[in-house]
Amino acid sequence: MAMGAPSKIGLLLLAWSLQGWSQMLDADGYTLEERGFRVHRLQSEYQSAETTVRVLLPDDLKENKLYRVLYVLPVVAAADEKKHGDGMLEIKKRDLHNEHGLICVSPEFTAMPWYADHDSEVTRQDESHLLKVVLPFVEKNYPVLEGWNGRLLVGFSKSGWGAFTLLLRHPKLFHRAAGWDPGIRIDTGPIEEDDRNEKVERIFGSAKNFEDYRLSTLLRRRGADLGEEARMFYYNTKGNRALGGTKLHQLMVKLEFPHHYVFESKRPHRWDSGWIPKAVECLVREP
């Protein structure tokens, strides 16, 4: 075989073996070990302070292979306790990164993330931070598939909302999204109008900007852009989120939007309540 330019995989593996992680990385980040994760510190103009991104690699990282990335979207901000559990720890505990051959990535944010760009606060640009800082960093430094079919999203509560809005707003950037018990009360749930307006202003800045991220609006505007494959996996449970979640599912049915929907008995509103294996299985399954 004729010798050509080194592959991305070869260059990365050579860098890892000869230089070490901290020497391989750019000046805007470095790595350390934390409970089996690679932890990188990032500076971002879209956040108010330094943030981290954690990376979980398959134990047997193979040469000459590019991996799909599962973006595990956090529910809370970097400084908050993980009162809902930790999605990355749950994936590691259940060995899903090895079972499905995934590189798993979890970014952090300096404020409670709704995965939207606030229309006036320049350091609350969560969507831009993910798309313009985290994704390029991961795809520069790890052997990952860079096309849309190499990027998967999973979240619950607010980050389930985020996973769905990211998929609908960027259908050529992400392949599939799974959201469990997503935070849809702000959209279709039973919430007083004054409370909704206050929440919209605080999270999105304006009603106009909210509509650009509102799930029901995105389904009407952009749902057809996802094509005929079911690329959204939607899990809803009993409790105070059920009414809004059911309405959103009914809208998907009315719009003939392809999706996978499961209504199950109530689980604790946490990462570690047993829903992740099925959600990840749906994300990685063959069409």
C-alpha atoms as a PDB file:
ATOM      1  CA  MET A   1       0.000   0.000   0.000  1.00  0.00           C
ATOM      2  CA  ALA A   2       1.338   3.420  -0.908  1.00  0.00           C
ATOM      3  CA  MET A   3       2.295   5.694   1.947  1.00  0.00           C
ATOM      4  CA  GLY A   4      -0.004   8.682   2.346  1.00  0.00           C
ATOM      5  CA  ALA A   5      -0.653  11.381   4.887  1.00  0.00           C
ATOM      6  CA  PRO A   6      -1.129  10.095   8.449  1.00  0.00           C
ATOM      7  CA  SER A   7      -4.746   9.469   9.402  1.00  0.00           C
ATOM      8  CA  LYS A   8      -6.480  11.427  12.129  1.00  0.00           C
ATOM      9  CA  ILE A   9      -6.458   8.297  14.295  1.00  0.00           C
ATOM     10  CA  GLY A  10      -2.767   7.704  13.755  1.00  0.00           C
ATOM     11  CA  LEU A  11      -1.851  11.281  14.633  1.00  0.00           C
ATOM     12  CA  LEU A  12      -3.938  11.222  17.794  1.00  0.00           C
ATOM     13  CA  LEU A  13      -2.604   7.884  18.986  1.00  0.00           C
ATOM     14  CA  LEU A  14       0.949   8.996  18.280  1.00  0.00           C
ATOM     15  CA  ALA A  15       0.361  12.172  20.275  1.00  0.00           C
ATOM     16  CA  TRP A  16      -1.103  10.239  23.180  1.00  0.00           C
ATOM     17  CA  SER A  17       1.719   7.713  23.311  1.00  0.00           C
ATOM     18  CA  LEU A  18       4.685  10.037  22.747  1.00  0.00           C
ATOM     19  CA  GLN A  19       3.688  13.305  24.357  1.00  0.00           C
ATOM     20  CA  GLY A  20       1.034  12.569  26.931  1.00  0.00           C
ATOM     21  CA  TRP A  21      -2.353  14.166  27.216  1.00  0.00           C
ATOM     22  CA  SER A  22      -1.427  17.493  28.778  1.00  0.00           C
ATOM     23  CA  GLN A  23       1.261  18.125  26.162  1.00  0.00           C
ATOM     24  CA  MET A  24      -1.022  17.135  23.311  1.00  0.00           C
ATOM     25  CA  LEU A  25      -3.748  19.628  24.152  1.00  0.00           C
ATOM     26  CA  ASP A  26      -3.925  23.246  23.112  1.00  0.00           C
ATOM     27  CA  ALA A  27      -3.248  26.100  25.489  1.00  0.00           C
ATOM     28  CA  ASP A  28      -6.985  26.464  26.108  1.00  0.00           C
ATOM     29  CA  GLY A  29      -7.278  23.161  27.913  1.00  0.00           C
ATOM     30  CA  TYR A  30      -5.537  20.413  29.813  1.00  0.00           C
ATOM     31  CA  THR A  31      -6.555  17.074  31.198  1.00  0.00           C
ATOM     32  CA  LEU A  32      -6.525  15.226  34.485  1.00  0.00           C
ATOM     33  CA  GLU A  33      -7.986  11.975  35.716  1.00  0.00           C
ATOM     34  CA  GLU A  34     -11.153  11.995  37.799  1.00  0.00           C
ATOM     35  CA  ARG A  35     -12.968   8.757  38.620  1.00  0.00           C
ATOM     36  CA  GLY A  36     -11.903   7.267  35.309  1.00  0.00           C
ATOM     37  CA  PHE A  37     -12.806  10.307  33.181  1.00  0.00           C
ATOM     38  CA  ARG A  38     -10.562  12.594  31.186  1.00  0.00           C
ATOM     39  CA  VAL A  39     -11.310  16.098  32.429  1.00  0.00           C
ATOM     40  CA  HIS A  40     -10.471  19.122  30.298  1.00  0.00           C
ATOM     41  CA  ARG A  41     -10.711  22.737  31.376  1.00  0.00           C
ATOM     42  CA  LEU A  42     -12.000  25.114  28.717  1.00  0.00           C
ATOM     43  CA  GLN A  43     -12.146  28.853  28.347  1.00  0.00           C
ATOM     44  CA  SER A  44     -15.184  30.049  26.430  1.00  0.00           C
ATOM     45  CA  GLU A  45     -16.418  33.493  25.501  1.00  0.00           C
ATOM     46  CA  TYR A  46     -19.929  32.076  25.748  1.00  0.00           C
ATOM     47  CA  GLN A  47     -19.697  31.302  29.493  1.00  0.00           C
ATOM     48  CA  SER A  48     -18.974  33.533  32.488  1.00  0.00           C
ATOM     49  CA  ALA A  49     -16.046  31.452  33.791  1.00  0.00           C
ATOM     50  CA  GLU A  50     -13.883  28.430  33.051  1.00  0.00           C
ATOM     51  CA  THR A  51     -15.801  25.206  32.528  1.00  0.00           C
ATOM     52  CA  THR A  52     -14.850  21.561  32.203  1.00  0.00           C
ATOM     53  CA  VAL A  53     -15.715  18.765  29.835  1.00  0.00           C
ATOM     54  CA  ARG A  54     -15.473  15.147  30.929  1.00  0.00           C
ATOM     55  CA  VAL A  55     -14.685  12.354  28.497  1.00  0.00           C
ATOM     56  CA  LEU A  56     -15.217   8.615  28.984  1.00  0.00           C
ATOM     57  CA  LEU A  57     -13.361   6.373  26.525  1.00  0.00           C
ATOM     58  CA  PRO A  58     -13.952   2.697  25.719  1.00  0.00           C
ATOM     59  CA  ASP A  59     -11.485   0.564  27.657  1.00  0.00           C
ATOM     60  CA  ASP A  60     -10.194  -1.017  24.481  1.00  0.00           C
ATOM     61  CA  LEU A  61      -9.719   2.014  22.245  1.00  0.00           C
ATOM     62  CA  LYS A  62      -8.871   0.509  18.879  1.00  0.00           C
ATOM     63  CA  GLU A  63      -6.413   1.862  16.391  1.00  0.00           C
ATOM     64  CA  ASN A  64      -7.829   2.651  12.943  1.00  0.00           C
ATOM     65  CA  LYS A  65     -11.349   3.186  14.283  1.00  0.00           C
ATOM     66  CA  LEU A  66     -13.455   6.317  14.617  1.00  0.00           C
ATOM     67  CA  TYR A  67     -16.113   6.341  17.325  1.00  0.00           C
ATOM     68  CA  ARG A  68     -19.551   7.806  17.702  1.00  0.00           C
ATOM     69  CA  VAL A  69     -19.901  10.378  20.483  1.00  0.00           C
ATOM     70  CA  LEU A  70     -22.708  10.358  23.017  1.00  0.00           C
ATOM     71  CA  TYR A  71     -23.145  13.853  24.439  1.00  0.00           C
ATOM     72  CA  VAL A  72     -24.489  13.402  27.965  1.00  0.00           C
ATOM     73  CA  LEU A  73     -26.129  16.739  28.698  1.00  0.00           C
ATOM     74  CA  PRO A  74     -26.086  17.833  32.354  1.00  0.00           C
ATOM     75  CA  VAL A  75     -29.187  19.047  34.161  1.00  0.00           C
ATOM     76  CA  VAL A  76     -27.496  21.465  36.528  1.00  0.00           C
ATOM     77  CA  ALA A  77     -24.723  24.042  36.332  1.00  0.00           C
ATOM     78  CA  ALA A  78     -21.079  23.302  37.088  1.00  0.00           C
ATOM     79  CA  ALA A  79     -21.162  24.741  40.597  1.00  0.00           C
ATOM     80  CA  ASP A  80     -24.299  22.876  41.715  1.00  0.00           C
ATOM     81  CA  GLU A  81     -24.409  19.556  43.479  1.00  0.00           C
ATOM     82  CA  LYS A  82     -25.424  16.685  41.255  1.00  0.00           C
ATOM     83  CA  LYS A  83     -28.663  16.210  43.189  1.00  0.00           C
ATOM     84  CA  HIS A  84     -30.136  14.294  40.251  1.00  0.00           C
ATOM     85  CA  GLY A  85     -27.216  11.877  40.086  1.00  0.00           C
ATOM     86  CA  ASP A  86     -24.512  11.865  37.435  1.00  0.00           C
ATOM     87  CA  GLY A  87     -25.194  10.651  33.912  1.00  0.00           C
ATOM     88  CA  MET A  88     -21.550   9.887  33.153  1.00  0.00           C
ATOM     89  CA  LEU A  89     -21.146   7.822  36.320  1.00  0.00           C
ATOM     90  CA  GLU A  90     -24.309   5.897  35.488  1.00  0.00           C
ATOM     91  CA  ILE A  91     -23.045   5.126  31.969  1.00  0.00           C
ATOM     92  CA  LYS A  92     -19.689   4.032  33.383  1.00  0.00           C
ATOM     93  CA  LYS A  93     -21.323   1.933  36.092  1.00  0.00           C
ATOM     94  CA  ARG A  94     -23.451   0.112  33.509  1.00  0.00           C
ATOM     95  CA  ASP A  95     -20.498  -0.198  31.089  1.00  0.00           C
ATOM     96  CA  LEU A  96     -22.523   1.285  28.240  1.00  0.00           C
ATOM     97  CA  HIS A  97     -19.477   2.977  26.678  1.00  0.00           C
ATOM     98  CA  ASN A  98     -17.881  -0.446  26.196  1.00  0.00           C
ATOM     99  CA  GLU A  99     -21.080  -2.296  25.287  1.00  0.00           C
ATOM    100  CA  HIS A 100     -21.902   0.116  22.466  1.00  0.00           C
ATOM    101  CA  GLY A 101     -18.417   1.377  21.567  1.00  0.00           C
ATOM    102  CA  LEU A 102     -19.038   5.017  22.430  1.00  0.00           C
ATOM    103  CA  ILE A 103     -16.943   7.966  23.445  1.00  0.00           C
ATOM    104  CA  CYS A 104     -19.098   9.746  26.023  1.00  0.00           C
ATOM    105  CA  VAL A 105     -18.770  13.476  26.632  1.00  0.00           C
ATOM    106  CA  SER A 106     -20.366  15.676  29.275  1.00  0.00           C
ATOM    107  CA  PRO A 107     -19.846  19.458  29.152  1.00  0.00           C
ATOM    108  CA  GLU A 108     -20.445  21.826  32.036  1.00  0.00           C
ATOM    109  CA  PHE A 109     -22.014  25.283  32.116  1.00  0.00           C
ATOM    110  CA  THR A 110     -21.695  28.237  34.462  1.00  0.00           C
ATOM    111  CA  ALA A 111     -25.446  28.754  34.855  1.00  0.00           C
ATOM    112  CA  MET A 112     -28.390  26.366  34.879  1.00  0.00           C
ATOM    113  CA  PRO A 113     -28.396  25.199  31.242  1.00  0.00           C
ATOM    114  CA  TRP A 114     -31.437  25.174  28.993  1.00  0.00           C
ATOM    115  CA  TYR A 115     -29.216  24.760  25.899  1.00  0.00           C
ATOM    116  CA  ALA A 116     -30.302  28.067  24.429  1.00  0.00           C
ATOM    117  CA  ASP A 117     -28.522  31.315  23.663  1.00  0.00           C
ATOM    118  CA  HIS A 118     -29.933  34.091  25.841  1.00  0.00           C
ATOM    119  CA  ASP A 119     -30.756  36.987  23.544  1.00  0.00           C
ATOM    120  CA  SER A 120     -28.969  39.649  25.625  1.00  0.00           C
ATOM    121  CA  GLU A 121     -26.644  38.042  28.191  1.00  0.00           C
ATOM    122  CA  VAL A 122     -23.428  37.303  26.300  1.00  0.00           C
ATOM    123  CA  THR A 123     -22.088  34.821  28.859  1.00  0.00           C
ATOM    124  CA  ARG A 124     -25.268  32.723  28.854  1.00  0.00           C
ATOM    125  CA  GLN A 125     -24.865  31.357  25.354  1.00  0.00           C
ATOM    126  CA  ASP A 126     -25.181  27.658  26.125  1.00  0.00           C
ATOM    127  CA  GLU A 127     -26.008  26.466  22.622  1.00  0.00           C
ATOM    128  CA  SER A 128     -23.040  28.345  21.180  1.00  0.00           C
ATOM    129  CA  HIS A 129     -20.741  27.039  23.909  1.00  0.00           C
ATOM    130  CA  LEU A 130     -21.667  23.465  23.052  1.00  0.00           C
ATOM    131  CA  LEU A 131     -21.541  23.868  19.271  1.00  0.00           C
ATOM    132  CA  LYS A 132     -18.614  26.270  18.897  1.00  0.00           C
ATOM    133  CA  VAL A 133     -16.336  25.250  21.770  1.00  0.00           C
ATOM    134  CA  VAL A 134     -17.114  21.749  23.052  1.00  0.00           C
ATOM    135  CA  LEU A 135     -17.784  19.939  19.758  1.00  0.00           C
ATOM    136  CA  PRO A 136     -14.711  21.330  17.963  1.00  0.00           C
ATOM    137  CA  PHE A 137     -12.533  20.535  20.989  1.00  0.00           C
ATOM    138  CA  VAL A 138     -13.737  16.935  21.125  1.00  0.00           C
ATOM    139  CA  GLU A 139     -13.434  16.400  17.387  1.00  0.00           C
ATOM    140  CA  LYS A 140      -9.927  17.845  17.304  1.00  0.00           C
ATOM    141  CA  ASN A 141      -8.571  15.759  20.173  1.00  0.00           C
ATOM    142  CA  TYR A 142     -10.370  12.419  19.959  1.00  0.00           C
ATOM    143  CA  PRO A 143     -10.841   9.755  17.235  1.00  0.00           C
ATOM    144  CA  VAL A 144     -14.502  10.449  16.549  1.00  0.00           C
ATOM    145  CA  LEU A 145     -16.816  10.364  13.573  1.00  0.00           C
ATOM    146  CA  GLU A 146     -17.291  14.002  12.618  1.00  0.00           C
ATOM    147  CA  GLY A 147     -20.411  13.641  10.483  1.00  0.00           C
ATOM    148  CA  TRP A 148     -23.928  14.055  11.830  1.00  0.00           C
ATOM    149  CA  ASN A 149     -24.365  10.288  12.291  1.00  0.00           C
ATOM    150  CA  GLY A 150     -21.473  10.307  14.763  1.00  0.00           C
ATOM    151  CA  ARG A 151     -23.172  12.666  17.240  1.00  0.00           C
ATOM    152  CA  LEU A 152     -25.856  11.475  19.658  1.00  0.00           C
ATOM    153  CA  LEU A 153     -27.617  13.360  22.470  1.00  0.00           C
ATOM    154  CA  VAL A 154     -29.120  12.175  25.734  1.00  0.00           C
ATOM    155  CA  GLY A 155     -30.603  14.105  28.635  1.00  0.00           C
ATOM    156  CA  PHE A 156     -33.490  14.336  31.051  1.00  0.00           C
ATOM    157  CA  SER A 157     -35.528  17.126  32.572  1.00  0.00           C
ATOM    158  CA  LYS A 158     -34.018  20.404  31.294  1.00  0.00           C
ATOM    159  CA  SER A 159     -31.304  18.572  29.404  1.00  0.00           C
ATOM    160  CA  GLY A 160     -33.921  16.343  27.756  1.00  0.00           C
ATOM    161  CA  TRP A 161     -35.497  19.557  26.476  1.00  0.00           C
ATOM    162  CA  GLY A 162     -32.014  20.593  25.376  1.00  0.00           C
ATOM    163  CA  ALA A 163     -31.377  17.342  23.529  1.00  0.00           C
ATOM    164  CA  PHE A 164     -34.617  17.735  21.569  1.00  0.00           C
ATOM    165  CA  THR A 165     -34.146  21.406  20.722  1.00  0.00           C
ATOM    166  CA  LEU A 166     -30.577  20.768  19.570  1.00  0.00           C
ATOM    167  CA  LEU A 167     -31.724  17.960  17.283  1.00  0.00           C
ATOM    168  CA  LEU A 168     -34.612  19.955  15.828  1.00  0.00           C
ATOM    169  CA  ARG A 169     -32.553  23.123  15.362  1.00  0.00           C
ATOM    170  CA  HIS A 170     -29.551  21.256  13.915  1.00  0.00           C
ATOM    171  CA  PRO A 171     -30.826  18.118  12.162  1.00  0.00           C
ATOM    172  CA  LYS A 172     -27.720  17.920   9.965  1.00  0.00           C
ATOM    173  CA  LEU A 173     -25.379  18.205  12.945  1.00  0.00           C
ATOM    174  CA  PHE A 174     -26.843  15.534  15.246  1.00  0.00           C
ATOM    175  CA  HIS A 175     -28.233  12.123  14.400  1.00  0.00           C
ATOM    176  CA  ARG A 176     -30.520  11.172  17.287  1.00  0.00           C
ATOM    177  CA  ALA A 177     -31.672  12.456  20.664  1.00  0.00           C
ATOM    178  CA  ALA A 178     -33.167  10.695  23.671  1.00  0.00           C
ATOM    179  CA  GLY A 179     -34.947  12.665  26.372  1.00  0.00           C
ATOM    180  CA  TRP A 180     -36.409  11.179  29.526  1.00  0.00           C
ATOM    181  CA  ASP A 181     -38.989  13.107  31.530  1.00  0.00           C
ATOM    182  CA  PRO A 182     -38.027  16.299  29.671  1.00  0.00           C
ATOM    183  CA  GLY A 183     -38.685  19.762  31.069  1.00  0.00           C
ATOM    184  CA  ILE A 184     -41.664  20.649  28.904  1.00  0.00           C
ATOM    185  CA  ARG A 185     -43.894  22.367  31.487  1.00  0.00           C
ATOM    186  CA  ILE A 186     -42.651  25.731  30.236  1.00  0.00           C
ATOM    187  CA  ASP A 187     -44.033  24.762  26.818  1.00  0.00           C
ATOM    188  CA  THR A 188     -47.287  22.829  27.213  1.00  0.00           C
ATOM    189  CA  GLY A 189     -47.547  22.028  30.905  1.00  0.00           C
ATOM    190  CA  PRO A 190     -49.908  23.456  33.550  1.00  0.00           C
ATOM    191  CA  ILE A 191     -48.106  26.648  34.533  1.00  0.00           C
ATOM    192  CA  GLU A 192     -49.519  30.054  35.391  1.00  0.00           C
ATOM    193  CA  GLU A 193     -48.996  32.657  32.678  1.00  0.00           C
ATOM    194  CA  ASP A 194     -47.122  35.034  34.996  1.00  0.00           C
ATOM    195  CA  ASP A 195     -44.795  32.221  36.022  1.00  0.00           C
ATOM    196  CA  ARG A 196     -44.229  31.254  32.395  1.00  0.00           C
ATOM    197  CA  ASN A 197     -43.424  34.832  31.394  1.00  0.00           C
ATOM    198  CA  GLU A 198     -40.934  35.206  34.272  1.00  0.00           C
ATOM    199  CA  LYS A 199     -39.253  31.926  33.366  1.00  0.00           C
ATOM    200  CA  VAL A 200     -39.103  32.798  29.671  1.00  0.00           C
ATOM    201  CA  GLU A 201     -37.531  36.173  30.409  1.00  0.00           C
ATOM    202  CA  ARG A 202     -34.984  34.672  32.796  1.00  0.00           C
ATOM    203  CA  ILE A 203     -33.927  31.761  30.562  1.00  0.00           C
ATOM    204  CA  PHE A 204     -34.357  33.096  27.030  1.00  0.00           C
ATOM    205  CA  GLY A 205     -34.537  36.859  27.428  1.00  0.00           C
ATOM    206  CA  SER A 206     -37.646  37.419  25.325  1.00  0.00           C
ATOM    207  CA  ALA A 207     -40.763  35.666  24.107  1.00  0.00           C
ATOM    208  CA  LYS A 208     -39.478  35.898  20.527  1.00  0.00           C
ATOM    209  CA  ASN A 209     -36.257  34.087  21.426  1.00  0.00           C
ATOM    210  CA  PHE A 210     -38.237  31.506  23.399  1.00  0.00           C
ATOM    211  CA  GLU A 211     -40.228  30.603  20.288  1.00  0.00           C
ATOM    212  CA  ASP A 212     -36.973  29.766  18.502  1.00  0.00           C
ATOM    213  CA  TYR A 213     -36.334  27.065  21.125  1.00  0.00           C
ATOM    214  CA  ARG A 214     -39.883  26.071  22.053  1.00  0.00           C
ATOM    215  CA  LEU A 215     -40.385  22.385  21.317  1.00  0.00           C
ATOM    216  CA  SER A 216     -43.951  22.636  20.068  1.00  0.00           C
ATOM    217  CA  THR A 217     -42.939  25.481  17.734  1.00  0.00           C
ATOM    218  CA  LEU A 218     -39.838  23.634  16.507  1.00  0.00           C
ATOM    219  CA  LEU A 219     -41.865  20.515  15.773  1.00  0.00           C
ATOM    220  CA  ARG A 220     -44.178  22.550  13.550  1.00  0.00           C
ATOM    221  CA  ARG A 221     -41.410  24.534  11.880  1.00  0.00           C
ATOM    222  CA  ARG A 222     -38.580  22.013  11.623  1.00  0.00           C
ATOM    223  CA  GLY A 223     -39.995  18.558  12.311  1.00  0.00           C
ATOM    224  CA  ALA A 224     -40.103  17.588   8.641  1.00  0.00           C
ATOM    225  CA  ASP A 225     -36.363  18.344   8.356  1.00  0.00           C
ATOM    226  CA  LEU A 226     -35.590  15.185  10.336  1.00  0.00           C
ATOM    227  CA  GLY A 227     -36.919  12.990   7.539  1.00  0.00           C
ATOM    228  CA  GLU A 228     -38.806   9.730   7.852  1.00  0.00           C
ATOM    229  CA  GLU A 229     -36.498   7.978  10.321  1.00  0.00           C
ATOM    230  CA  ALA A 230     -37.469   8.091  14.004  1.00  0.00           C
ATOM    231  CA  ARG A 231     -34.570  10.121  15.378  1.00  0.00           C
ATOM    232  CA  MET A 232     -36.209  11.277  18.613  1.00  0.00           C
ATOM    233  CA  PHE A 233     -36.747   8.925  21.541  1.00  0.00           C
ATOM    234  CA  TYR A 234     -39.142  10.401  24.060  1.00  0.00           C
ATOM    235  CA  TYR A 235     -39.783   8.986  27.518  1.00  0.00           C
ATOM    236  CA  ASN A 236     -42.527  10.331  29.765  1.00  0.00           C
ATOM    237  CA  THR A 237     -43.479   9.323  33.304  1.00  0.00           C
ATOM    238  CA  LYS A 238     -46.302   9.942  35.729  1.00  0.00           C
ATOM    239  CA  GLY A 239     -46.196  12.993  37.920  1.00  0.00           C
ATOM    240  CA  ASN A 240     -46.317  16.743  37.442  1.00  0.00           C
ATOM    241  CA  ARG A 241     -44.610  16.579  34.019  1.00  0.00           C
ATOM    242  CA  ALA A 242     -47.018  14.037  32.584  1.00  0.00           C
ATOM    243  CA  LEU A 243     -49.725  16.385  31.280  1.00  0.00           C
ATOM    244  CA  GLY A 244     -47.363  18.552  29.251  1.00  0.00           C
ATOM    245  CA  GLY A 245     -45.453  15.510  28.046  1.00  0.00           C
ATOM    246  CA  THR A 246     -48.631  13.821  26.850  1.00  0.00           C
ATOM    247  CA  LYS A 247     -49.688  16.967  24.979  1.00  0.00           C
ATOM    248  CA  LEU A 248     -46.326  17.104  23.248  1.00  0.00           C
ATOM    249  CA  HIS A 249     -46.645  13.467  22.213  1.00  0.00           C
ATOM    250  CA  GLN A 250     -50.152  14.127  20.876  1.00  0.00           C
ATOM    251  CA  LEU A 251     -48.768  17.005  18.814  1.00  0.00           C
ATOM    252  CA  MET A 252     -46.103  14.694  17.348  1.00  0.00           C
ATOM    253  CA  VAL A 253     -48.802  12.216  16.387  1.00  0.00           C
ATOM    254  CA  LYS A 254     -50.936  14.971  14.824  1.00  0.00           C
ATOM    255  CA  LEU A 255     -47.955  16.213  12.814  1.00  0.00           C
ATOM    256  CA  GLU A 256     -47.090  12.617  11.833  1.00  0.00           C
ATOM    257  CA  PHE A 257     -43.628  13.238  13.252  1.00  0.00           C
ATOM    258  CA  PRO A 258     -41.636   9.971  13.428  1.00  0.00           C
ATOM    259  CA  HIS A 259     -40.564   9.268  16.986  1.00  0.00           C
ATOM    260  CA  HIS A 260     -40.320   6.553  19.589  1.00  0.00           C
ATOM    261  CA  TYR A 261     -42.509   7.229  22.625  1.00  0.00           C
ATOM    262  CA  VAL A 262     -42.664   5.386  25.942  1.00  0.00           C
ATOM    263  CA  PHE A 263     -44.949   6.201  28.853  1.00  0.00           C
ATOM    264  CA  GLU A 264     -43.843   4.214  31.876  1.00  0.00           C
ATOM    265  CA  SER A 265     -44.590   4.033  35.571  1.00  0.00           C
ATOM    266  CA  LYS A 266     -43.031   6.743  37.681  1.00  0.00           C
ATOM    267  CA  ARG A 267     -39.329   6.521  38.353  1.00  0.00           C
ATOM    268  CA  PRO A 268     -37.352   8.846  40.615  1.00  0.00           C
ATOM    269  CA  HIS A 269     -36.397  11.984  38.699  1.00  0.00           C
ATOM    270  CA  ARG A 270     -32.717  11.060  38.510  1.00  0.00           C
ATOM    271  CA  TRP A 271     -30.054   9.823  36.107  1.00  0.00           C
ATOM    272  CA  ASP A 272     -29.719   6.569  38.030  1.00  0.00           C
ATOM    273  CA  SER A 273     -33.361   5.451  38.108  1.00  0.00           C
ATOM    274  CA  GLY A 274     -32.826   2.801  35.439  1.00  0.00           C
ATOM    275  CA  TRP A 275     -33.880   4.503  32.206  1.00  0.00           C
ATOM    276  CA  ILE A 276     -30.462   5.133  30.622  1.00  0.00           C
ATOM    277  CA  PRO A 277     -29.710   1.645  29.163  1.00  0.00           C
ATOM    278  CA  LYS A 278     -32.900   1.577  27.088  1.00  0.00           C
ATOM    279  CA  ALA A 279     -32.427   5.168  25.935  1.00  0.00           C
ATOM    280  CA  VAL A 280     -28.846   4.526  24.795  1.00  0.00           C
ATOM    281  CA  GLU A 281     -29.895   1.295  23.095  1.00  0.00           C
ATOM    282  CA  CYS A 282     -32.440   3.260  21.048  1.00  0.00           C
ATOM    283  CA  LEU A 283     -29.842   5.852  20.103  1.00  0.00           C
ATOM    284  CA  VAL A 284     -27.304   3.348  18.782  1.00  0.00           C
ATOM    285  CA  ARG A 285     -29.588   0.780  17.165  1.00  0.00           C
ATOM    286  CA  GLU A 286     -29.412   0.143  13.449  1.00  0.00           C
ATOM    287  CA  PRO A 287     -32.058   1.954  11.336  1.00  0.00           C
END
